[in-house]
Amino acid sequence: MNFDKSRDCPICGLRANSIAFPFTVRFNQIEFNYLKCDSCSSIFVDPIPDDGTFALMYLKDSYHDCNYHHENSIYVESVNLLIKYVDSESIVLDYGCGLGNFLEVLSSKKLIPYGVEFDNEAAKFAANKADCKVFTVDEFMSDSFKQKFDAIHLGDVLEHLPNPIESTDTILNRLKPGGVFFVEGPLETNPSPVYWAIVVFGFIKHLLKPGIVPNNPPYHLIRLGSKQQLTFFEEINTSISPVYWRVYESGWPYIGGGIVKGAIAKIAIFFGGKSLFGITFGNRFQAIFIKK
């Protein structure tokens, strides 16, 4: 592969020097490589999917209906954390609201929900489900959009954005000064027994079957550890002040698997959030910032 022709790292702007796990996937007759930045060690997808490929990746029936059929109870912990930092009846935007589950919990906690979703059908479904306004990404990102919010939530969103720093700055422009920016999502390269097992098994499979390219959409365009994730927030142009940071472990995708995978997940959960030699174990994070 010619790394001189690959795109720059979306986190630090420098160059990649190698292909890293999960190596290469194919979707919509296009091959996508996972490159590792030579400077910050972030892993990112090259090339960026085009608009047509994005539309196919995030169709409601093949993405949201298959991946986001959770009960609302899993969102309650996040909303309970948020309400420690906002007043009752605050206007809260869930950017990347999926099918509207988080919006429903916001409403049940006496907050005023709004949503943003990429797919038009998913946006309509979420609006009906949560009985609130849900914008498309194009509507929200347009220069004519003037509404401001008391809080903005991004749950499992950053890893899907082709230009995450630029997009986050635009999103933060819709947040009132003194408003709350609540972000949570995966740390896919952070120290974790599950992560180590996935990389080892994936590398062995890659060695045994080097010519096999899986047909998987490149949903996660960046894969970060806690260090890279914190660097990302420092690179944002909008001034935000951190007030909460947590690393923890979910055991995904091994939790609920067979005996071996289940055991690895339980070990990972046990060590999740614990620190050793300055390294905090875990595969997910929660962060809250106040916009200055």
Protein backbone atom coordinates (compact mmCIF):
# COMPACT_ATOMS: atom_id res chain seq x y z
CA MET A 1 0.00 0.00 0.00
CA ASN A 2 1.19 3.53 -0.81
CA PHE A 3 0.83 5.41 2.49
CA ASP A 4 1.82 8.69 0.80
CA LYS A 5 -1.55 8.62 -0.95
CA SER A 6 -3.60 7.76 2.13
CA ARG A 7 -5.51 10.41 4.01
CA ASP A 8 -4.06 12.13 7.07
CA CYS A 9 -4.92 11.03 10.60
CA PRO A 10 -8.25 12.67 11.59
CA ILE A 11 -7.01 13.13 15.17
CA CYS A 12 -3.54 14.71 14.82
CA GLY A 13 -3.31 15.38 11.07
CA LEU A 14 -0.13 13.35 10.51
CA ARG A 15 0.54 10.22 8.45
CA ALA A 16 -0.08 6.53 8.85
CA ASN A 17 2.79 4.05 8.61
CA SER A 18 1.08 0.66 8.79
CA ILE A 19 -2.16 -1.29 8.46
CA ALA A 20 -3.62 -2.41 11.79
CA PHE A 21 -6.41 -4.66 13.04
CA PRO A 22 -9.04 -5.17 11.67
CA PHE A 23 -6.87 -4.67 8.56
CA THR A 24 -9.20 -4.48 5.54
CA VAL A 25 -12.95 -4.83 4.94
CA ARG A 26 -15.04 -4.65 1.79
CA PHE A 27 -18.44 -2.98 1.42
CA ASN A 28 -20.36 -1.66 -1.59
CA GLN A 29 -17.55 -3.05 -3.82
CA ILE A 30 -14.99 -0.80 -2.09
CA GLU A 31 -12.06 -1.93 0.07
CA PHE A 32 -11.42 0.05 3.24
CA ASN A 33 -8.10 -0.17 5.07
CA TYR A 34 -7.55 0.43 8.79
CA LEU A 35 -4.40 2.52 9.11
CA LYS A 36 -2.37 3.27 12.23
CA CYS A 37 -1.08 6.82 12.69
CA ASP A 38 2.68 7.04 13.07
CA SER A 39 2.39 9.85 15.62
CA CYS A 40 -0.63 9.38 17.91
CA SER A 41 -1.32 5.65 17.24
CA SER A 42 -4.97 6.31 16.34
CA ILE A 43 -6.45 3.81 13.91
CA PHE A 44 -8.63 5.17 11.11
CA VAL A 45 -10.36 4.05 7.93
CA ASP A 46 -9.04 4.96 4.48
CA PRO A 47 -10.71 5.94 2.22
CA ILE A 48 -13.66 7.74 3.79
CA PRO A 49 -16.91 6.17 2.53
CA ASP A 50 -18.66 8.31 -0.08
CA ASP A 51 -22.20 9.65 0.38
CA GLY A 52 -23.80 6.70 -1.40
CA THR A 53 -21.91 4.20 0.73
CA PHE A 54 -22.84 6.08 3.93
CA ALA A 55 -26.51 5.95 2.93
CA LEU A 56 -26.30 2.17 2.44
CA MET A 57 -24.43 1.69 5.71
CA TYR A 58 -27.03 3.43 7.87
CA LEU A 59 -30.36 2.33 6.43
CA LYS A 60 -32.92 1.96 9.21
CA ASP A 61 -33.89 -1.65 8.41
CA SER A 62 -30.32 -2.95 8.03
CA TYR A 63 -28.56 -0.90 10.73
CA HIS A 64 -30.77 0.62 13.41
CA ASP A 65 -33.34 -2.19 13.50
CA CYS A 66 -30.56 -4.77 13.80
CA ASN A 67 -28.25 -3.00 16.26
CA TYR A 68 -30.40 -0.73 18.41
CA HIS A 69 -33.29 -2.76 19.77
CA HIS A 70 -32.23 -2.27 23.41
CA GLU A 71 -34.61 -1.62 26.26
CA ASN A 72 -34.72 1.95 27.54
CA SER A 73 -33.28 0.79 30.87
CA ILE A 74 -29.74 0.75 29.47
CA TYR A 75 -29.98 4.53 28.86
CA VAL A 76 -31.24 5.41 32.32
CA GLU A 77 -27.76 5.39 33.89
CA SER A 78 -26.52 7.88 31.31
CA VAL A 79 -29.49 10.21 31.74
CA ASN A 80 -29.14 9.99 35.53
CA LEU A 81 -25.54 11.16 35.14
CA LEU A 82 -26.60 14.01 32.86
CA ILE A 83 -29.26 15.36 35.24
CA LYS A 84 -26.55 16.01 37.82
CA TYR A 85 -25.29 18.78 35.54
CA VAL A 86 -28.49 20.27 34.06
CA ASP A 87 -31.62 21.88 35.42
CA SER A 88 -35.10 20.42 35.13
CA GLU A 89 -36.77 21.15 31.77
CA SER A 90 -33.41 21.84 30.10
CA ILE A 91 -33.44 21.51 26.32
CA VAL A 92 -31.28 18.49 25.48
CA LEU A 93 -30.17 17.37 22.01
CA ASP A 94 -29.24 13.75 21.35
CA TYR A 95 -27.03 13.86 18.25
CA GLY A 96 -27.20 10.44 16.61
CA CYS A 97 -30.41 9.51 18.40
CA GLY A 98 -31.03 6.25 16.52
CA LEU A 99 -34.58 5.02 17.11
CA GLY A 100 -35.27 7.44 19.95
CA ASN A 101 -34.75 5.37 23.11
CA PHE A 102 -32.48 7.94 24.77
CA LEU A 103 -34.96 10.67 23.84
CA GLU A 104 -37.75 8.79 25.61
CA VAL A 105 -35.70 8.55 28.81
CA LEU A 106 -34.88 12.26 28.64
CA SER A 107 -38.59 13.04 28.50
CA SER A 108 -39.33 10.72 31.43
CA LYS A 109 -36.78 12.69 33.51
CA LYS A 110 -38.52 16.03 32.84
CA LEU A 111 -36.02 17.17 30.21
CA ILE A 112 -37.04 18.53 26.80
CA PRO A 113 -35.64 16.22 24.09
CA TYR A 114 -34.58 16.93 20.54
CA GLY A 115 -32.78 14.53 18.21
CA VAL A 116 -30.56 14.39 15.13
CA GLU A 117 -30.24 11.30 12.95
CA PHE A 118 -28.52 10.58 9.62
CA ASP A 119 -31.12 8.28 8.03
CA ASN A 120 -34.46 9.97 7.19
CA GLU A 121 -36.56 6.92 8.04
CA ALA A 122 -34.81 6.46 11.38
CA ALA A 123 -35.32 10.18 12.13
CA LYS A 124 -39.06 9.92 11.43
CA PHE A 125 -39.33 6.77 13.55
CA ALA A 126 -37.49 8.38 16.49
CA ALA A 127 -39.65 11.51 16.29
CA ASN A 128 -42.85 9.45 16.47
CA LYS A 129 -41.51 7.14 19.17
CA ALA A 130 -40.31 9.91 21.50
CA ASP A 131 -42.94 12.48 20.45
CA CYS A 132 -40.34 15.19 19.82
CA LYS A 133 -38.58 17.00 16.99
CA VAL A 134 -35.81 15.03 15.26
CA PHE A 135 -33.70 16.77 12.63
CA THR A 136 -31.74 15.17 9.83
CA VAL A 137 -27.98 15.78 9.84
CA ASP A 138 -28.32 18.03 6.77
CA GLU A 139 -30.92 20.20 8.54
CA PHE A 140 -28.86 20.44 11.71
CA MET A 141 -25.59 21.26 9.97
CA SER A 142 -27.05 23.91 7.66
CA ASP A 143 -26.13 27.58 8.16
CA SER A 144 -29.83 28.38 8.62
CA PHE A 145 -30.10 26.29 11.79
CA LYS A 146 -30.34 28.75 14.70
CA GLN A 147 -31.62 26.81 17.71
CA LYS A 148 -29.36 26.49 20.77
CA PHE A 149 -29.42 23.78 23.42
CA ASP A 150 -28.71 23.57 27.15
CA ALA A 151 -27.01 20.20 26.71
CA ILE A 152 -25.88 18.01 23.81
CA HIS A 153 -25.33 14.27 24.07
CA LEU A 154 -23.24 12.13 21.71
CA GLY A 155 -23.65 8.45 22.50
CA ASP A 156 -21.57 6.08 20.31
CA VAL A 157 -21.30 8.74 17.62
CA LEU A 158 -17.72 10.06 17.32
CA GLU A 159 -16.40 6.81 15.88
CA HIS A 160 -18.85 7.11 12.96
CA LEU A 161 -17.87 10.63 11.87
CA PRO A 162 -15.57 10.99 8.83
CA ASN A 163 -14.24 14.36 10.08
CA PRO A 164 -14.85 14.14 13.83
CA ILE A 165 -13.07 17.32 14.97
CA GLU A 166 -14.74 19.52 12.36
CA SER A 167 -18.15 17.94 13.01
CA THR A 168 -17.80 18.29 16.78
CA ASP A 169 -16.96 21.99 16.46
CA THR A 170 -20.11 22.50 14.39
CA ILE A 171 -22.18 20.56 16.92
CA LEU A 172 -20.76 22.65 19.77
CA ASN A 173 -21.79 25.83 17.94
CA ARG A 174 -25.38 24.76 18.71
CA LEU A 175 -24.63 24.55 22.45
CA LYS A 176 -25.30 27.57 24.69
CA PRO A 177 -22.35 29.08 26.60
CA GLY A 178 -22.21 27.27 29.94
CA GLY A 179 -24.02 24.34 28.35
CA VAL A 180 -23.21 20.68 28.98
CA PHE A 181 -21.46 18.50 26.38
CA PHE A 182 -21.92 14.82 27.28
CA VAL A 183 -20.03 12.24 25.22
CA GLU A 184 -19.82 8.47 25.65
CA GLY A 185 -18.63 5.67 23.44
CA PRO A 186 -16.12 2.89 22.81
CA LEU A 187 -12.38 2.83 23.47
CA GLU A 188 -11.55 0.16 20.93
CA THR A 189 -7.76 0.15 21.33
CA ASN A 190 -7.60 0.71 25.09
CA PRO A 191 -5.99 -1.94 27.36
CA SER A 192 -8.59 -4.64 28.01
CA PRO A 193 -8.50 -8.46 28.05
CA VAL A 194 -11.30 -8.46 25.48
CA TYR A 195 -9.38 -6.11 23.18
CA TRP A 196 -6.18 -8.16 23.50
CA ALA A 197 -8.05 -11.40 22.74
CA ILE A 198 -9.79 -9.89 19.70
CA VAL A 199 -6.49 -8.60 18.28
CA VAL A 200 -4.68 -11.92 18.86
CA PHE A 201 -7.45 -14.02 17.31
CA GLY A 202 -7.83 -11.54 14.46
CA PHE A 203 -4.09 -11.54 13.74
CA ILE A 204 -3.98 -15.35 13.68
CA LYS A 205 -6.92 -15.46 11.27
CA HIS A 206 -5.20 -12.82 9.12
CA LEU A 207 -2.02 -14.92 8.97
CA LEU A 208 -3.85 -18.13 8.15
CA LYS A 209 -6.14 -16.54 5.55
CA PRO A 210 -4.26 -13.46 4.27
CA GLY A 211 -6.30 -13.15 1.08
CA ILE A 212 -9.71 -13.20 2.74
CA VAL A 213 -11.34 -9.75 3.02
CA PRO A 214 -14.56 -9.79 5.08
CA ASN A 215 -17.64 -8.13 3.65
CA ASN A 216 -18.37 -5.75 6.51
CA PRO A 217 -19.34 -2.06 6.49
CA PRO A 218 -16.63 0.17 8.01
CA TYR A 219 -19.00 1.56 10.64
CA HIS A 220 -16.30 2.75 13.04
CA LEU A 221 -14.08 5.15 11.12
CA ILE A 222 -11.74 5.81 14.06
CA ARG A 223 -10.58 3.42 16.79
CA LEU A 224 -9.05 5.06 19.84
CA GLY A 225 -7.69 4.40 23.32
CA SER A 226 -8.25 6.70 26.28
CA LYS A 227 -5.09 8.70 25.53
CA GLN A 228 -6.11 9.37 21.93
CA GLN A 229 -9.68 10.14 22.98
CA LEU A 230 -8.49 12.80 25.42
CA THR A 231 -6.20 14.21 22.73
CA PHE A 232 -9.22 14.47 20.46
CA PHE A 233 -11.05 16.69 22.94
CA GLU A 234 -7.97 18.88 23.26
CA GLU A 235 -7.87 19.38 19.48
CA ILE A 236 -11.40 20.79 19.31
CA ASN A 237 -11.40 24.52 18.52
CA THR A 238 -14.41 25.29 20.74
CA SER A 239 -13.34 25.91 24.33
CA ILE A 240 -14.71 23.26 26.68
CA SER A 241 -13.78 22.50 30.27
CA PRO A 242 -13.79 18.87 31.53
CA VAL A 243 -15.81 18.14 34.67
CA TYR A 244 -16.19 14.34 34.47
CA TRP A 245 -14.16 11.49 32.93
CA ARG A 246 -14.74 7.77 33.38
CA VAL A 247 -13.26 4.66 31.76
CA TYR A 248 -15.08 1.36 32.29
CA GLU A 249 -15.58 -2.06 30.71
CA SER A 250 -18.68 -3.59 29.12
CA GLY A 251 -17.18 -6.90 27.99
CA TRP A 252 -18.59 -6.35 24.48
CA PRO A 253 -18.57 -8.24 22.13
CA TYR A 254 -17.62 -11.25 24.25
CA ILE A 255 -20.19 -10.79 27.00
CA GLY A 256 -22.88 -13.42 26.61
CA GLY A 257 -20.66 -15.54 24.35
CA GLY A 258 -19.41 -19.09 24.87
CA ILE A 259 -17.41 -20.35 27.83
CA VAL A 260 -14.05 -18.91 26.72
CA LYS A 261 -15.37 -15.57 25.48
CA GLY A 262 -17.65 -15.23 28.50
CA ALA A 263 -14.73 -15.83 30.86
CA ILE A 264 -12.59 -13.24 29.07
CA ALA A 265 -15.45 -10.74 29.30
CA LYS A 266 -15.85 -11.31 33.04
CA ILE A 267 -12.11 -10.82 33.62
CA ALA A 268 -12.24 -7.63 31.56
CA ILE A 269 -15.20 -6.30 33.55
CA PHE A 270 -13.37 -7.07 36.81
CA PHE A 271 -10.38 -4.97 35.72
CA GLY A 272 -12.49 -2.26 34.06
CA GLY A 273 -11.83 1.18 35.51
CA LYS A 274 -8.80 -0.01 37.50
CA SER A 275 -5.43 1.63 36.90
CA LEU A 276 -1.96 0.08 36.78
CA PHE A 277 1.26 1.96 35.93
CA GLY A 278 -0.80 4.92 34.76
CA ILE A 279 -2.97 2.79 32.45
CA THR A 280 -6.72 2.54 33.06
CA PHE A 281 -8.34 -0.65 31.78
CA GLY A 282 -11.66 -0.56 29.97
CA ASN A 283 -13.33 -0.43 26.57
CA ARG A 284 -15.74 2.50 27.06
CA PHE A 285 -15.69 6.07 28.33
CA GLN A 286 -18.02 8.79 29.55
CA ALA A 287 -17.01 12.46 29.48
CA ILE A 288 -18.79 15.67 30.47
CA PHE A 289 -17.60 19.13 29.53
CA ILE A 290 -18.90 22.65 30.09
CA LYS A 291 -18.75 25.04 27.14
CA LYS A 292 -16.89 28.21 28.12
